[in-house]
Amino acid sequence: MQINALLAAHGRIVSVIVFALTFTTFSAEQMGSQHPRPKVVALDASVKDYLSVLNGPPESVSMKSGYVVLSPGKSVGKHSTGHHEELLVVLEGAGEMLFKDGSKLPVKANSAVYCPPETEHDVMNSGSQVLRYVYVVAEVR
C-alpha cells in the first residue's frame, strides 16, 4: 500500500511539474510575441503639441520617444531626466534647453541636443516660428 501511495504521490508531482513546464513554455512563447517589432510612426505636420512615438515596453526595450511641437514663447515645462538619458533631434525652428543652474544650450533645426541623467531642464521656443523636435529617452543601466 505504501508503495502505491508513493507512486500515486510521485505521479501527482510529475503531473504538477509537467503542467508547470508547459505553462512556463506557453508563457515564454506568449512573451516572445511581446518583443519589440520594427515600426514607422508618421510625424504628422498637423500635430498641435504632442505625438507619442514610443511608449517603452513592449514597443521598445527601454526607449520612450515623442514628437513635440511648441509655439513661439511656449515651453514643455521643467522636468528631470531622472535615470534616463535624453536626446532631442530638432526638425524645425529654434529655442533653448534651459538648465537648473541657469545655463542653456541652443536648440535649432538640423541639430541634436543631449541631456545626461539626473538633469533638471526645460525646452523653450525662443524663436518666431514653430519649434518641432523628436525626443528619445532611454534608461541608464
N, C-alpha and C. Protein backbone atom coordinates (compact mmCIF):
# COMPACT_ATOMS: atom_id res chain seq x y z
N MET A 1 0.82 -1.20 0.00
CA MET A 1 0.00 0.00 0.00
C MET A 1 0.86 1.26 0.00
N GLN A 2 1.92 1.26 0.80
CA GLN A 2 2.76 2.44 0.88
C GLN A 2 3.43 2.71 -0.45
N ILE A 3 3.82 1.68 -1.16
CA ILE A 3 4.45 1.85 -2.47
C ILE A 3 3.45 2.46 -3.44
N ASN A 4 2.19 1.96 -3.42
CA ASN A 4 1.16 2.52 -4.30
C ASN A 4 0.90 3.98 -3.97
N ALA A 5 0.89 4.31 -2.67
CA ALA A 5 0.68 5.70 -2.26
C ALA A 5 1.84 6.57 -2.73
N LEU A 6 3.08 6.07 -2.61
CA LEU A 6 4.24 6.82 -3.07
C LEU A 6 4.21 7.02 -4.58
N LEU A 7 3.83 5.95 -5.31
CA LEU A 7 3.73 6.08 -6.77
C LEU A 7 2.65 7.08 -7.16
N ALA A 8 1.53 7.05 -6.45
CA ALA A 8 0.44 7.98 -6.74
C ALA A 8 0.90 9.42 -6.46
N ALA A 9 1.57 9.61 -5.30
CA ALA A 9 2.08 10.94 -4.96
C ALA A 9 3.12 11.39 -5.98
N HIS A 10 4.00 10.48 -6.37
CA HIS A 10 5.02 10.77 -7.37
C HIS A 10 4.36 11.16 -8.69
N GLY A 11 3.32 10.46 -9.05
CA GLY A 11 2.58 10.77 -10.28
C GLY A 11 1.98 12.16 -10.24
N ARG A 12 1.45 12.54 -9.07
CA ARG A 12 0.88 13.90 -8.93
C ARG A 12 1.98 14.95 -9.04
N ILE A 13 3.13 14.68 -8.44
CA ILE A 13 4.25 15.62 -8.51
C ILE A 13 4.72 15.77 -9.95
N VAL A 14 4.87 14.64 -10.64
CA VAL A 14 5.27 14.68 -12.05
C VAL A 14 4.25 15.47 -12.86
N SER A 15 2.97 15.26 -12.58
CA SER A 15 1.92 15.99 -13.31
C SER A 15 2.03 17.49 -13.06
N VAL A 16 2.30 17.88 -11.82
CA VAL A 16 2.44 19.30 -11.49
C VAL A 16 3.65 19.88 -12.21
N ILE A 17 4.77 19.14 -12.23
CA ILE A 17 5.98 19.62 -12.90
C ILE A 17 5.72 19.76 -14.40
N VAL A 18 5.09 18.76 -15.00
CA VAL A 18 4.78 18.83 -16.43
C VAL A 18 3.87 20.01 -16.72
N PHE A 19 2.86 20.22 -15.88
CA PHE A 19 1.96 21.35 -16.05
C PHE A 19 2.73 22.66 -15.95
N ALA A 20 3.61 22.76 -14.92
CA ALA A 20 4.39 23.98 -14.71
C ALA A 20 5.29 24.25 -15.91
N LEU A 21 5.96 23.23 -16.42
CA LEU A 21 6.82 23.40 -17.58
C LEU A 21 6.02 23.82 -18.81
N THR A 22 4.86 23.20 -18.98
CA THR A 22 4.00 23.55 -20.11
C THR A 22 3.55 25.00 -19.99
N PHE A 23 3.14 25.41 -18.79
CA PHE A 23 2.71 26.78 -18.57
C PHE A 23 3.85 27.76 -18.80
N THR A 24 5.04 27.43 -18.30
CA THR A 24 6.21 28.28 -18.48
C THR A 24 6.54 28.42 -19.95
N THR A 25 6.52 27.32 -20.68
CA THR A 25 6.81 27.36 -22.12
C THR A 25 5.76 28.20 -22.84
N PHE A 26 4.48 28.00 -22.48
CA PHE A 26 3.41 28.76 -23.09
C PHE A 26 3.59 30.25 -22.80
N SER A 27 3.91 30.59 -21.55
CA SER A 27 4.10 31.99 -21.18
C SER A 27 5.29 32.58 -21.92
N ALA A 28 6.38 31.83 -22.04
CA ALA A 28 7.56 32.32 -22.75
C ALA A 28 7.23 32.57 -24.21
N GLU A 29 6.44 31.68 -24.80
CA GLU A 29 6.05 31.87 -26.21
C GLU A 29 5.18 33.12 -26.34
N GLN A 30 4.27 33.30 -25.38
CA GLN A 30 3.43 34.50 -25.42
C GLN A 30 4.29 35.74 -25.28
N MET A 31 5.24 35.72 -24.35
CA MET A 31 6.11 36.87 -24.15
C MET A 31 6.97 37.12 -25.38
N GLY A 32 7.32 36.04 -26.09
CA GLY A 32 8.09 36.19 -27.31
C GLY A 32 7.39 37.10 -28.29
N SER A 33 6.07 37.07 -28.29
CA SER A 33 5.32 37.94 -29.18
C SER A 33 5.32 39.38 -28.66
N GLN A 34 5.84 39.59 -27.44
CA GLN A 34 5.91 40.92 -26.85
C GLN A 34 7.24 41.62 -27.14
N HIS A 35 8.16 40.94 -27.82
CA HIS A 35 9.43 41.57 -28.16
C HIS A 35 9.17 42.75 -29.09
N PRO A 36 9.98 43.78 -28.97
CA PRO A 36 9.79 44.94 -29.85
C PRO A 36 9.85 44.55 -31.33
N ARG A 37 9.03 45.21 -32.09
CA ARG A 37 8.97 44.98 -33.54
C ARG A 37 9.26 46.29 -34.26
N PRO A 38 9.87 46.21 -35.41
CA PRO A 38 10.10 47.43 -36.20
C PRO A 38 8.78 48.12 -36.50
N LYS A 39 8.81 49.44 -36.55
CA LYS A 39 7.59 50.18 -36.87
C LYS A 39 7.95 51.55 -37.42
N VAL A 40 6.99 52.17 -38.05
CA VAL A 40 7.14 53.53 -38.56
C VAL A 40 6.00 54.35 -37.97
N VAL A 41 6.32 55.54 -37.49
CA VAL A 41 5.31 56.46 -36.97
C VAL A 41 5.42 57.74 -37.79
N ALA A 42 4.34 58.10 -38.44
CA ALA A 42 4.33 59.33 -39.24
C ALA A 42 4.35 60.54 -38.31
N LEU A 43 5.26 61.47 -38.56
CA LEU A 43 5.33 62.70 -37.79
C LEU A 43 4.48 63.74 -38.51
N ASP A 44 3.21 63.69 -38.24
CA ASP A 44 2.20 64.49 -38.92
C ASP A 44 2.38 65.98 -38.63
N ALA A 45 2.52 66.77 -39.68
CA ALA A 45 2.71 68.22 -39.55
C ALA A 45 1.50 68.90 -38.92
N SER A 46 0.34 68.24 -38.91
CA SER A 46 -0.85 68.86 -38.33
C SER A 46 -0.94 68.67 -36.81
N VAL A 47 0.00 67.92 -36.22
CA VAL A 47 0.00 67.74 -34.77
C VAL A 47 0.19 69.10 -34.12
N LYS A 48 -0.63 69.40 -33.13
CA LYS A 48 -0.61 70.72 -32.50
C LYS A 48 0.39 70.84 -31.36
N ASP A 49 0.61 69.76 -30.57
CA ASP A 49 1.55 69.89 -29.47
C ASP A 49 2.36 68.63 -29.17
N TYR A 50 1.76 67.43 -29.27
CA TYR A 50 2.50 66.23 -28.88
C TYR A 50 1.94 64.99 -29.59
N LEU A 51 2.86 64.12 -29.99
CA LEU A 51 2.51 62.82 -30.55
C LEU A 51 3.45 61.79 -29.95
N SER A 52 2.90 60.76 -29.35
CA SER A 52 3.73 59.69 -28.80
C SER A 52 4.32 58.88 -29.95
N VAL A 53 5.61 58.58 -29.87
CA VAL A 53 6.28 57.78 -30.90
C VAL A 53 6.56 56.38 -30.35
N LEU A 54 7.17 56.29 -29.18
CA LEU A 54 7.41 55.01 -28.49
C LEU A 54 7.02 55.16 -27.03
N ASN A 55 6.36 54.14 -26.50
CA ASN A 55 5.90 54.18 -25.11
C ASN A 55 6.64 53.22 -24.20
N GLY A 56 7.83 52.78 -24.59
CA GLY A 56 8.56 51.80 -23.78
C GLY A 56 8.05 50.40 -24.05
N PRO A 57 8.37 49.45 -23.16
CA PRO A 57 7.97 48.05 -23.38
C PRO A 57 6.45 47.93 -23.55
N PRO A 58 5.98 47.09 -24.44
CA PRO A 58 6.70 46.17 -25.30
C PRO A 58 7.09 46.76 -26.66
N GLU A 59 6.83 48.07 -26.87
CA GLU A 59 7.18 48.68 -28.16
C GLU A 59 8.69 48.80 -28.35
N SER A 60 9.43 48.93 -27.25
CA SER A 60 10.88 49.04 -27.29
C SER A 60 11.43 48.35 -26.04
N VAL A 61 12.73 48.18 -25.99
CA VAL A 61 13.33 47.56 -24.82
C VAL A 61 13.24 48.53 -23.64
N SER A 62 13.69 49.77 -23.84
CA SER A 62 13.59 50.75 -22.75
C SER A 62 13.32 52.17 -23.23
N MET A 63 13.38 52.40 -24.53
CA MET A 63 13.23 53.75 -25.06
C MET A 63 11.80 54.24 -25.03
N LYS A 64 11.68 55.54 -24.78
CA LYS A 64 10.42 56.24 -24.95
C LYS A 64 10.74 57.43 -25.85
N SER A 65 9.76 57.84 -26.64
CA SER A 65 10.01 58.91 -27.59
C SER A 65 8.72 59.64 -27.91
N GLY A 66 8.86 60.90 -28.27
CA GLY A 66 7.70 61.67 -28.66
C GLY A 66 8.08 62.78 -29.63
N TYR A 67 7.08 63.25 -30.32
CA TYR A 67 7.21 64.35 -31.29
C TYR A 67 6.55 65.56 -30.64
N VAL A 68 7.33 66.62 -30.45
CA VAL A 68 6.85 67.80 -29.72
C VAL A 68 6.78 68.99 -30.67
N VAL A 69 5.70 69.75 -30.55
CA VAL A 69 5.52 70.98 -31.33
C VAL A 69 5.25 72.10 -30.33
N LEU A 70 6.13 73.11 -30.33
CA LEU A 70 5.97 74.25 -29.42
C LEU A 70 5.79 75.54 -30.21
N SER A 71 4.77 76.28 -29.88
CA SER A 71 4.55 77.60 -30.48
C SER A 71 5.56 78.59 -29.89
N PRO A 72 5.82 79.69 -30.58
CA PRO A 72 6.74 80.70 -30.04
C PRO A 72 6.35 81.11 -28.61
N GLY A 73 7.37 81.18 -27.74
CA GLY A 73 7.14 81.58 -26.35
C GLY A 73 6.70 80.45 -25.42
N LYS A 74 6.40 79.29 -25.95
CA LYS A 74 5.93 78.15 -25.13
C LYS A 74 7.10 77.27 -24.70
N SER A 75 6.89 76.51 -23.63
CA SER A 75 7.91 75.56 -23.16
C SER A 75 7.22 74.25 -22.77
N VAL A 76 8.02 73.20 -22.63
CA VAL A 76 7.47 71.90 -22.21
C VAL A 76 7.30 71.85 -20.71
N GLY A 77 7.98 72.70 -19.97
CA GLY A 77 7.91 72.71 -18.51
C GLY A 77 9.12 72.01 -17.91
N LYS A 78 9.54 72.49 -16.74
CA LYS A 78 10.69 71.92 -16.07
C LYS A 78 10.43 70.45 -15.72
N HIS A 79 11.44 69.64 -15.99
CA HIS A 79 11.37 68.22 -15.64
C HIS A 79 12.79 67.68 -15.54
N SER A 80 12.93 66.52 -14.95
CA SER A 80 14.25 65.90 -14.80
C SER A 80 14.33 64.64 -15.65
N THR A 81 15.52 64.37 -16.14
CA THR A 81 15.73 63.14 -16.90
C THR A 81 15.71 61.93 -15.98
N GLY A 82 15.91 62.14 -14.67
CA GLY A 82 15.91 61.00 -13.74
C GLY A 82 16.98 60.00 -14.13
N HIS A 83 16.60 58.73 -14.17
CA HIS A 83 17.54 57.66 -14.54
C HIS A 83 17.52 57.39 -16.04
N HIS A 84 17.38 58.46 -16.83
CA HIS A 84 17.33 58.34 -18.28
C HIS A 84 18.29 59.34 -18.92
N GLU A 85 18.72 59.02 -20.12
CA GLU A 85 19.41 59.97 -20.97
C GLU A 85 18.36 60.49 -21.95
N GLU A 86 18.55 61.69 -22.45
CA GLU A 86 17.59 62.25 -23.40
C GLU A 86 18.32 62.87 -24.58
N LEU A 87 17.79 62.62 -25.76
CA LEU A 87 18.31 63.21 -26.97
C LEU A 87 17.16 63.91 -27.69
N LEU A 88 17.38 65.16 -28.08
CA LEU A 88 16.42 65.89 -28.90
C LEU A 88 16.99 65.98 -30.31
N VAL A 89 16.18 65.65 -31.30
CA VAL A 89 16.55 65.84 -32.70
C VAL A 89 15.61 66.93 -33.22
N VAL A 90 16.19 68.08 -33.48
CA VAL A 90 15.39 69.25 -33.82
C VAL A 90 15.15 69.28 -35.33
N LEU A 91 13.89 69.33 -35.68
CA LEU A 91 13.48 69.28 -37.09
C LEU A 91 13.23 70.66 -37.68
N GLU A 92 12.70 71.56 -36.85
CA GLU A 92 12.31 72.88 -37.37
C GLU A 92 12.27 73.88 -36.22
N GLY A 93 12.64 75.13 -36.52
CA GLY A 93 12.54 76.18 -35.53
C GLY A 93 13.79 76.35 -34.68
N ALA A 94 13.64 77.16 -33.63
CA ALA A 94 14.77 77.44 -32.74
C ALA A 94 14.26 77.69 -31.33
N GLY A 95 15.12 77.38 -30.39
CA GLY A 95 14.79 77.60 -28.99
C GLY A 95 15.99 77.36 -28.11
N GLU A 96 15.73 77.04 -26.84
CA GLU A 96 16.80 76.82 -25.88
C GLU A 96 16.44 75.68 -24.94
N MET A 97 17.47 74.94 -24.53
CA MET A 97 17.30 73.99 -23.44
C MET A 97 17.86 74.71 -22.22
N LEU A 98 17.01 74.93 -21.22
CA LEU A 98 17.36 75.69 -20.03
C LEU A 98 17.62 74.73 -18.87
N PHE A 99 18.69 74.98 -18.11
CA PHE A 99 19.06 74.10 -17.01
C PHE A 99 18.86 74.79 -15.66
N LYS A 100 18.76 73.98 -14.64
CA LYS A 100 18.50 74.44 -13.27
C LYS A 100 19.53 75.48 -12.81
N ASP A 101 20.78 75.32 -13.24
CA ASP A 101 21.85 76.23 -12.81
C ASP A 101 21.87 77.54 -13.59
N GLY A 102 20.91 77.73 -14.50
CA GLY A 102 20.83 78.95 -15.29
C GLY A 102 21.51 78.88 -16.64
N SER A 103 22.27 77.81 -16.88
CA SER A 103 22.92 77.68 -18.19
C SER A 103 21.90 77.25 -19.24
N LYS A 104 22.26 77.38 -20.49
CA LYS A 104 21.36 76.99 -21.58
C LYS A 104 22.15 76.55 -22.79
N LEU A 105 21.48 75.75 -23.62
CA LEU A 105 22.05 75.29 -24.89
C LEU A 105 21.11 75.71 -26.01
N PRO A 106 21.67 76.09 -27.18
CA PRO A 106 20.80 76.41 -28.31
C PRO A 106 20.15 75.14 -28.86
N VAL A 107 18.91 75.28 -29.22
CA VAL A 107 18.14 74.20 -29.85
C VAL A 107 17.69 74.75 -31.19
N LYS A 108 18.20 74.19 -32.28
CA LYS A 108 17.83 74.75 -33.58
C LYS A 108 17.72 73.63 -34.62
N ALA A 109 17.02 73.93 -35.69
CA ALA A 109 16.78 72.96 -36.76
C ALA A 109 18.09 72.32 -37.21
N ASN A 110 17.99 71.04 -37.53
CA ASN A 110 19.11 70.25 -38.03
C ASN A 110 20.22 70.06 -36.99
N SER A 111 19.83 70.00 -35.72
CA SER A 111 20.80 69.72 -34.66
C SER A 111 20.23 68.68 -33.70
N ALA A 112 21.13 68.08 -32.95
CA ALA A 112 20.75 67.13 -31.91
C ALA A 112 21.31 67.66 -30.59
N VAL A 113 20.51 67.55 -29.53
CA VAL A 113 20.89 68.06 -28.22
C VAL A 113 20.80 66.92 -27.22
N TYR A 114 21.89 66.69 -26.48
CA TYR A 114 21.95 65.61 -25.50
C TYR A 114 21.80 66.17 -24.09
N CYS A 115 21.01 65.46 -23.26
CA CYS A 115 20.82 65.83 -21.87
C CYS A 115 21.11 64.59 -21.01
N PRO A 116 22.11 64.67 -20.11
CA PRO A 116 22.50 63.50 -19.31
C PRO A 116 21.49 63.15 -18.21
N PRO A 117 21.66 61.99 -17.59
CA PRO A 117 20.77 61.58 -16.50
C PRO A 117 20.81 62.58 -15.33
N GLU A 118 19.73 62.55 -14.54
CA GLU A 118 19.63 63.37 -13.32
C GLU A 118 19.82 64.86 -13.60
N THR A 119 19.26 65.33 -14.72
CA THR A 119 19.42 66.74 -15.10
C THR A 119 18.06 67.41 -15.23
N GLU A 120 17.81 68.42 -14.37
CA GLU A 120 16.57 69.18 -14.49
C GLU A 120 16.73 70.17 -15.64
N HIS A 121 15.71 70.21 -16.50
CA HIS A 121 15.79 71.10 -17.66
C HIS A 121 14.40 71.43 -18.19
N ASP A 122 14.37 72.34 -19.13
CA ASP A 122 13.14 72.75 -19.82
C ASP A 122 13.54 73.04 -21.26
N VAL A 123 12.61 72.92 -22.16
CA VAL A 123 12.84 73.30 -23.56
C VAL A 123 11.86 74.41 -23.88
N MET A 124 12.40 75.53 -24.34
CA MET A 124 11.60 76.72 -24.60
C MET A 124 11.77 77.15 -26.05
N ASN A 125 10.66 77.47 -26.70
CA ASN A 125 10.71 78.03 -28.05
C ASN A 125 10.95 79.53 -27.90
N SER A 126 12.18 79.95 -28.17
CA SER A 126 12.52 81.37 -28.08
C SER A 126 12.55 82.02 -29.47
N GLY A 127 12.16 81.27 -30.48
CA GLY A 127 12.15 81.78 -31.85
C GLY A 127 10.81 82.37 -32.24
N SER A 128 10.70 82.73 -33.49
CA SER A 128 9.46 83.34 -34.01
C SER A 128 8.62 82.34 -34.82
N GLN A 129 9.16 81.14 -35.03
CA GLN A 129 8.47 80.08 -35.77
C GLN A 129 8.16 78.92 -34.82
N VAL A 130 7.37 77.99 -35.28
CA VAL A 130 7.09 76.77 -34.51
C VAL A 130 8.38 75.98 -34.33
N LEU A 131 8.56 75.40 -33.14
CA LEU A 131 9.70 74.53 -32.85
C LEU A 131 9.19 73.09 -32.86
N ARG A 132 9.76 72.26 -33.73
CA ARG A 132 9.39 70.85 -33.82
C ARG A 132 10.62 69.99 -33.55
N TYR A 133 10.46 69.02 -32.65
CA TYR A 133 11.57 68.11 -32.38
C TYR A 133 11.05 66.76 -31.93
N VAL A 134 11.92 65.78 -32.04
CA VAL A 134 11.65 64.43 -31.54
C VAL A 134 12.61 64.21 -30.38
N TYR A 135 12.06 63.77 -29.24
CA TYR A 135 12.94 63.41 -28.13
C TYR A 135 12.96 61.90 -27.99
N VAL A 136 14.08 61.40 -27.53
CA VAL A 136 14.23 59.97 -27.25
C VAL A 136 14.87 59.85 -25.87
N VAL A 137 14.24 59.12 -24.97
CA VAL A 137 14.83 58.85 -23.66
C VAL A 137 15.05 57.36 -23.53
N ALA A 138 16.18 57.01 -22.90
CA ALA A 138 16.50 55.61 -22.66
C ALA A 138 17.01 55.47 -21.24
N GLU A 139 16.59 54.41 -20.60
CA GLU A 139 17.01 54.15 -19.22
C GLU A 139 18.50 53.87 -19.15
N VAL A 140 19.14 54.43 -18.13
CA VAL A 140 20.56 54.21 -17.91
C VAL A 140 20.70 52.91 -17.13
N ARG A 141 21.61 52.06 -17.54
CA ARG A 141 21.78 50.76 -16.85
C ARG A 141 22.83 50.85 -15.80
